[in-house]
Amino acid sequence: MKEESVYCFKCRHFYITWDKFFPYGCKAMGFKSKEISSAVVQQSSGTKCLYFEKKEA
């Protein structure tokens, strides 16, 4: 069975920064990046993001 990927835009920790060089941020992990946060986590750790929490509507 294929593991579901994390969608940062639906996570309560994800935010868009004002930094044009690092436009995506994660409050849970405390970093900004050029790529979507979950992609950075996947590339560096080899696992999906464990801090994902769905936003309340």
N, C-alpha and C. Protein backbone atom coordinates (compact mmCIF):
# COMPACT_ATOMS: atom_id res chain seq x y z
N MET A 1 0.84 -1.18 0.00
CA MET A 1 0.00 0.00 0.00
C MET A 1 0.89 1.25 0.00
N LYS A 2 0.54 2.23 -0.83
CA LYS A 2 1.33 3.45 -0.94
C LYS A 2 1.05 4.38 0.24
N GLU A 3 2.12 4.94 0.84
CA GLU A 3 1.99 5.84 1.97
C GLU A 3 1.53 7.21 1.47
N GLU A 4 0.55 7.81 2.16
CA GLU A 4 0.02 9.11 1.78
C GLU A 4 1.04 10.20 2.07
N SER A 5 1.19 11.15 1.15
CA SER A 5 2.14 12.23 1.37
C SER A 5 1.50 13.35 2.20
N VAL A 6 2.34 14.13 2.84
CA VAL A 6 1.88 15.24 3.69
C VAL A 6 1.66 16.45 2.80
N TYR A 7 0.55 17.14 2.98
CA TYR A 7 0.23 18.33 2.21
C TYR A 7 0.35 19.54 3.12
N CYS A 8 1.47 20.25 3.03
CA CYS A 8 1.80 21.35 3.95
C CYS A 8 0.72 22.43 4.02
N PHE A 9 0.08 22.72 2.91
CA PHE A 9 -0.91 23.80 2.90
C PHE A 9 -2.10 23.50 3.81
N LYS A 10 -2.26 22.26 4.21
CA LYS A 10 -3.34 21.89 5.14
C LYS A 10 -2.84 21.68 6.57
N CYS A 11 -1.55 21.97 6.81
CA CYS A 11 -0.96 21.79 8.13
C CYS A 11 -1.00 23.10 8.93
N ARG A 12 -1.28 23.02 10.20
CA ARG A 12 -1.37 24.21 11.03
C ARG A 12 -0.01 24.85 11.32
N HIS A 13 1.07 24.14 11.10
CA HIS A 13 2.42 24.65 11.34
C HIS A 13 3.02 25.36 10.13
N PHE A 14 2.43 25.16 8.97
CA PHE A 14 2.96 25.73 7.73
C PHE A 14 2.57 27.19 7.59
N TYR A 15 3.49 28.00 7.05
CA TYR A 15 3.16 29.40 6.78
C TYR A 15 3.97 29.91 5.59
N ILE A 16 3.47 30.98 4.98
CA ILE A 16 4.16 31.65 3.89
C ILE A 16 4.92 32.82 4.50
N THR A 17 6.20 32.94 4.18
CA THR A 17 7.03 33.99 4.76
C THR A 17 7.04 35.21 3.84
N TRP A 18 7.64 36.30 4.30
CA TRP A 18 7.84 37.50 3.49
C TRP A 18 9.20 37.45 2.80
N ASP A 19 9.99 36.43 3.05
CA ASP A 19 11.32 36.29 2.49
C ASP A 19 11.22 35.71 1.08
N LYS A 20 11.59 36.51 0.06
CA LYS A 20 11.43 36.03 -1.31
C LYS A 20 12.39 34.88 -1.66
N PHE A 21 13.46 34.72 -0.90
CA PHE A 21 14.41 33.63 -1.15
C PHE A 21 14.02 32.35 -0.41
N PHE A 22 13.27 32.48 0.67
CA PHE A 22 12.80 31.33 1.45
C PHE A 22 11.32 31.53 1.77
N PRO A 23 10.45 31.28 0.79
CA PRO A 23 9.03 31.64 0.94
C PRO A 23 8.16 30.70 1.80
N TYR A 24 8.66 29.53 2.14
CA TYR A 24 7.85 28.57 2.91
C TYR A 24 8.47 28.32 4.27
N GLY A 25 7.62 28.24 5.29
CA GLY A 25 8.14 28.02 6.64
C GLY A 25 7.35 26.98 7.41
N CYS A 26 8.01 26.43 8.43
CA CYS A 26 7.39 25.45 9.33
C CYS A 26 7.62 25.91 10.76
N LYS A 27 6.54 26.22 11.46
CA LYS A 27 6.65 26.69 12.85
C LYS A 27 7.05 25.55 13.78
N ALA A 28 6.64 24.33 13.49
CA ALA A 28 6.95 23.19 14.35
C ALA A 28 8.44 22.88 14.35
N MET A 29 9.06 22.96 13.19
CA MET A 29 10.49 22.64 13.08
C MET A 29 11.37 23.87 13.10
N GLY A 30 10.77 25.04 12.96
CA GLY A 30 11.50 26.29 13.06
C GLY A 30 12.45 26.58 11.91
N PHE A 31 11.99 26.37 10.67
CA PHE A 31 12.85 26.70 9.53
C PHE A 31 12.04 27.28 8.38
N LYS A 32 12.76 27.97 7.48
CA LYS A 32 12.21 28.49 6.23
C LYS A 32 12.99 27.82 5.10
N SER A 33 12.34 27.66 3.95
CA SER A 33 13.01 27.01 2.84
C SER A 33 12.50 27.50 1.50
N LYS A 34 13.24 27.13 0.44
CA LYS A 34 12.83 27.46 -0.93
C LYS A 34 11.75 26.50 -1.41
N GLU A 35 11.77 25.30 -0.88
CA GLU A 35 10.81 24.25 -1.27
C GLU A 35 9.76 24.08 -0.18
N ILE A 36 8.68 23.41 -0.52
CA ILE A 36 7.65 23.10 0.47
C ILE A 36 8.30 22.30 1.60
N SER A 37 7.92 22.63 2.82
CA SER A 37 8.55 22.07 4.03
C SER A 37 8.57 20.54 4.05
N SER A 38 7.48 19.91 3.66
CA SER A 38 7.43 18.44 3.71
C SER A 38 8.44 17.82 2.75
N ALA A 39 8.72 18.48 1.63
CA ALA A 39 9.72 17.97 0.68
C ALA A 39 11.11 18.04 1.28
N VAL A 40 11.40 19.12 2.01
CA VAL A 40 12.70 19.26 2.66
C VAL A 40 12.88 18.18 3.72
N VAL A 41 11.84 17.94 4.50
CA VAL A 41 11.90 16.91 5.55
C VAL A 41 12.11 15.53 4.91
N GLN A 42 11.37 15.25 3.85
CA GLN A 42 11.48 13.96 3.15
C GLN A 42 12.90 13.75 2.61
N GLN A 43 13.46 14.78 2.01
CA GLN A 43 14.81 14.68 1.43
C GLN A 43 15.88 14.50 2.50
N SER A 44 15.75 15.21 3.61
CA SER A 44 16.81 15.17 4.63
C SER A 44 16.71 13.98 5.58
N SER A 45 15.48 13.52 5.87
CA SER A 45 15.34 12.44 6.84
C SER A 45 14.95 11.10 6.22
N GLY A 46 14.36 11.16 5.03
CA GLY A 46 13.92 9.93 4.38
C GLY A 46 12.56 9.45 4.84
N THR A 47 11.91 10.21 5.71
CA THR A 47 10.56 9.87 6.18
C THR A 47 9.63 11.07 6.00
N LYS A 48 8.34 10.81 6.03
CA LYS A 48 7.40 11.93 5.93
C LYS A 48 7.42 12.74 7.23
N CYS A 49 6.91 13.95 7.16
CA CYS A 49 6.90 14.84 8.32
C CYS A 49 6.03 14.27 9.44
N LEU A 50 6.60 14.20 10.63
CA LEU A 50 5.87 13.65 11.78
C LEU A 50 5.13 14.72 12.57
N TYR A 51 5.31 15.99 12.22
CA TYR A 51 4.66 17.09 12.92
C TYR A 51 3.36 17.54 12.26
N PHE A 52 2.94 16.90 11.20
CA PHE A 52 1.74 17.31 10.49
C PHE A 52 0.52 17.26 11.40
N GLU A 53 -0.18 18.39 11.47
CA GLU A 53 -1.46 18.50 12.19
C GLU A 53 -2.41 19.25 11.28
N LYS A 54 -3.54 18.64 10.97
CA LYS A 54 -4.50 19.24 10.07
C LYS A 54 -5.06 20.53 10.66
N LYS A 55 -5.17 21.57 9.80
CA LYS A 55 -5.75 22.84 10.21
C LYS A 55 -7.23 22.67 10.48
N GLU A 56 -7.73 23.48 11.42
CA GLU A 56 -9.17 23.50 11.66
C GLU A 56 -9.80 24.41 10.61
N ALA A 57 -10.90 24.00 10.08
CA ALA A 57 -11.57 24.77 9.01
C ALA A 57 -12.18 26.06 9.51
